[in-house]
Amino acid sequence: ITSTEFTPGASKSVKDRPIVLVDGATLFEISEK
């Protein structure tokens, strides 16, 4: 559920700040690991 909820937020952030998306993806990957 978190992934789905984050998808729309990330998409909007990408337009404003692509870095945010990268940071979020990296953080998510680290958290999963």
PDB file of N, CA and C in Angstrom:
ATOM      1  N   ILE A   1       0.850  -1.195   0.000  1.00  0.00           N
ATOM      2  CA  ILE A   1       0.000   0.000   0.000  1.00  0.00           C
ATOM      3  C   ILE A   1       0.893   1.255   0.000  1.00  0.00           C
ATOM      4  N   THR A   2       1.968   1.211   0.767  1.00  0.00           N
ATOM      5  CA  THR A   2       2.869   2.375   0.831  1.00  0.00           C
ATOM      6  C   THR A   2       3.394   2.706  -0.552  1.00  0.00           C
ATOM      7  N   SER A   3       3.771   1.678  -1.302  1.00  0.00           N
ATOM      8  CA  SER A   3       4.335   1.912  -2.647  1.00  0.00           C
ATOM      9  C   SER A   3       3.311   2.640  -3.519  1.00  0.00           C
ATOM     10  N   THR A   4       2.068   2.183  -3.487  1.00  0.00           N
ATOM     11  CA  THR A   4       1.038   2.804  -4.326  1.00  0.00           C
ATOM     12  C   THR A   4       0.812   4.253  -3.898  1.00  0.00           C
ATOM     13  N   GLU A   5       0.781   4.484  -2.597  1.00  0.00           N
ATOM     14  CA  GLU A   5       0.529   5.848  -2.109  1.00  0.00           C
ATOM     15  C   GLU A   5       1.716   6.751  -2.460  1.00  0.00           C
ATOM     16  N   PHE A   6       2.895   6.186  -2.451  1.00  0.00           N
ATOM     17  CA  PHE A   6       4.092   6.995  -2.732  1.00  0.00           C
ATOM     18  C   PHE A   6       4.201   7.299  -4.223  1.00  0.00           C
ATOM     19  N   THR A   7       3.686   6.408  -5.058  1.00  0.00           N
ATOM     20  CA  THR A   7       3.802   6.610  -6.516  1.00  0.00           C
ATOM     21  C   THR A   7       3.239   7.969  -6.945  1.00  0.00           C
ATOM     22  N   PRO A   8       2.005   8.301  -6.604  1.00  0.00           N
ATOM     23  CA  PRO A   8       1.427   9.589  -7.027  1.00  0.00           C
ATOM     24  C   PRO A   8       2.203  10.764  -6.450  1.00  0.00           C
ATOM     25  N   GLY A   9       2.568  10.678  -5.179  1.00  0.00           N
ATOM     26  CA  GLY A   9       3.327  11.771  -4.550  1.00  0.00           C
ATOM     27  C   GLY A   9       4.669  11.964  -5.245  1.00  0.00           C
ATOM     28  N   ALA A  10       5.349  10.882  -5.532  1.00  0.00           N
ATOM     29  CA  ALA A  10       6.663  10.974  -6.192  1.00  0.00           C
ATOM     30  C   ALA A  10       6.507  11.611  -7.566  1.00  0.00           C
ATOM     31  N   SER A  11       5.473  11.210  -8.288  1.00  0.00           N
ATOM     32  CA  SER A  11       5.276  11.757  -9.645  1.00  0.00           C
ATOM     33  C   SER A  11       5.185  13.283  -9.577  1.00  0.00           C
ATOM     34  N   LYS A  12       4.412  13.786  -8.648  1.00  0.00           N
ATOM     35  CA  LYS A  12       4.250  15.241  -8.521  1.00  0.00           C
ATOM     36  C   LYS A  12       5.586  15.862  -8.091  1.00  0.00           C
ATOM     37  N   SER A  13       6.285  15.207  -7.186  1.00  0.00           N
ATOM     38  CA  SER A  13       7.567  15.735  -6.704  1.00  0.00           C
ATOM     39  C   SER A  13       8.574  15.780  -7.848  1.00  0.00           C
ATOM     40  N   VAL A  14       8.524  14.787  -8.700  1.00  0.00           N
ATOM     41  CA  VAL A  14       9.481  14.730  -9.815  1.00  0.00           C
ATOM     42  C   VAL A  14       9.401  16.022 -10.629  1.00  0.00           C
ATOM     43  N   LYS A  15       8.193  16.475 -10.882  1.00  0.00           N
ATOM     44  CA  LYS A  15       8.041  17.695 -11.694  1.00  0.00           C
ATOM     45  C   LYS A  15       8.667  18.888 -10.957  1.00  0.00           C
ATOM     46  N   ASP A  16       8.526  18.903  -9.651  1.00  0.00           N
ATOM     47  CA  ASP A  16       9.048  20.027  -8.874  1.00  0.00           C
ATOM     48  C   ASP A  16      10.502  19.785  -8.459  1.00  0.00           C
ATOM     49  N   ARG A  17      10.785  18.565  -8.003  1.00  0.00           N
ATOM     50  CA  ARG A  17      12.156  18.277  -7.546  1.00  0.00           C
ATOM     51  C   ARG A  17      12.499  16.823  -7.845  1.00  0.00           C
ATOM     52  N   PRO A  18      13.151  16.571  -8.946  1.00  0.00           N
ATOM     53  CA  PRO A  18      13.525  15.198  -9.322  1.00  0.00           C
ATOM     54  C   PRO A  18      14.425  14.569  -8.271  1.00  0.00           C
ATOM     55  N   ILE A  19      15.196  15.397  -7.586  1.00  0.00           N
ATOM     56  CA  ILE A  19      16.115  14.861  -6.566  1.00  0.00           C
ATOM     57  C   ILE A  19      15.309  14.130  -5.488  1.00  0.00           C
ATOM     58  N   VAL A  20      14.147  14.691  -5.153  1.00  0.00           N
ATOM     59  CA  VAL A  20      13.321  14.087  -4.102  1.00  0.00           C
ATOM     60  C   VAL A  20      12.997  12.645  -4.465  1.00  0.00           C
ATOM     61  N   LEU A  21      12.637  12.436  -5.719  1.00  0.00           N
ATOM     62  CA  LEU A  21      12.277  11.085  -6.144  1.00  0.00           C
ATOM     63  C   LEU A  21      13.476  10.153  -5.967  1.00  0.00           C
ATOM     64  N   VAL A  22      14.636  10.596  -6.403  1.00  0.00           N
ATOM     65  CA  VAL A  22      15.841   9.756  -6.285  1.00  0.00           C
ATOM     66  C   VAL A  22      16.091   9.436  -4.815  1.00  0.00           C
ATOM     67  N   ASP A  23      16.028  10.463  -3.972  1.00  0.00           N
ATOM     68  CA  ASP A  23      16.270  10.251  -2.543  1.00  0.00           C
ATOM     69  C   ASP A  23      15.252   9.266  -1.975  1.00  0.00           C
ATOM     70  N   GLY A  24      13.986   9.459  -2.336  1.00  0.00           N
ATOM     71  CA  GLY A  24      12.933   8.578  -1.837  1.00  0.00           C
ATOM     72  C   GLY A  24      13.176   7.145  -2.280  1.00  0.00           C
ATOM     73  N   ALA A  25      13.510   6.950  -3.552  1.00  0.00           N
ATOM     74  CA  ALA A  25      13.744   5.600  -4.067  1.00  0.00           C
ATOM     75  C   ALA A  25      14.931   4.985  -3.339  1.00  0.00           C
ATOM     76  N   THR A  26      15.987   5.751  -3.166  1.00  0.00           N
ATOM     77  CA  THR A  26      17.180   5.226  -2.489  1.00  0.00           C
ATOM     78  C   THR A  26      16.839   4.867  -1.045  1.00  0.00           C
ATOM     79  N   LEU A  27      16.138   5.773  -0.372  1.00  0.00           N
ATOM     80  CA  LEU A  27      15.777   5.519   1.024  1.00  0.00           C
ATOM     81  C   LEU A  27      14.914   4.269   1.111  1.00  0.00           C
ATOM     82  N   PHE A  28      13.967   4.141   0.190  1.00  0.00           N
ATOM     83  CA  PHE A  28      13.073   2.983   0.210  1.00  0.00           C
ATOM     84  C   PHE A  28      13.877   1.698   0.020  1.00  0.00           C
ATOM     85  N   GLU A  29      14.841   1.746  -0.926  1.00  0.00           N
ATOM     86  CA  GLU A  29      15.650   0.555  -1.201  1.00  0.00           C
ATOM     87  C   GLU A  29      16.463   0.189   0.044  1.00  0.00           C
ATOM     88  N   ILE A  30      17.055   1.178   0.682  1.00  0.00           N
ATOM     89  CA  ILE A  30      17.875   0.915   1.875  1.00  0.00           C
ATOM     90  C   ILE A  30      16.979   0.359   2.988  1.00  0.00           C
ATOM     91  N   SER A  31      15.799   0.966   3.137  1.00  0.00           N
ATOM     92  CA  SER A  31      14.884   0.522   4.197  1.00  0.00           C
ATOM     93  C   SER A  31      14.499  -0.938   3.976  1.00  0.00           C
ATOM     94  N   GLU A  32      14.237  -1.286   2.722  1.00  0.00           N
ATOM     95  CA  GLU A  32      13.835  -2.669   2.421  1.00  0.00           C
ATOM     96  C   GLU A  32      14.990  -3.612   2.751  1.00  0.00           C
ATOM     97  N   LYS A  33      16.204  -3.165   2.451  1.00  0.00           N
ATOM     98  CA  LYS A  33      17.357  -4.023   2.706  1.00  0.00           C
ATOM     99  C   LYS A  33      17.572  -4.110   4.213  1.00  0.00           C
TER     100      LYS A  33
END
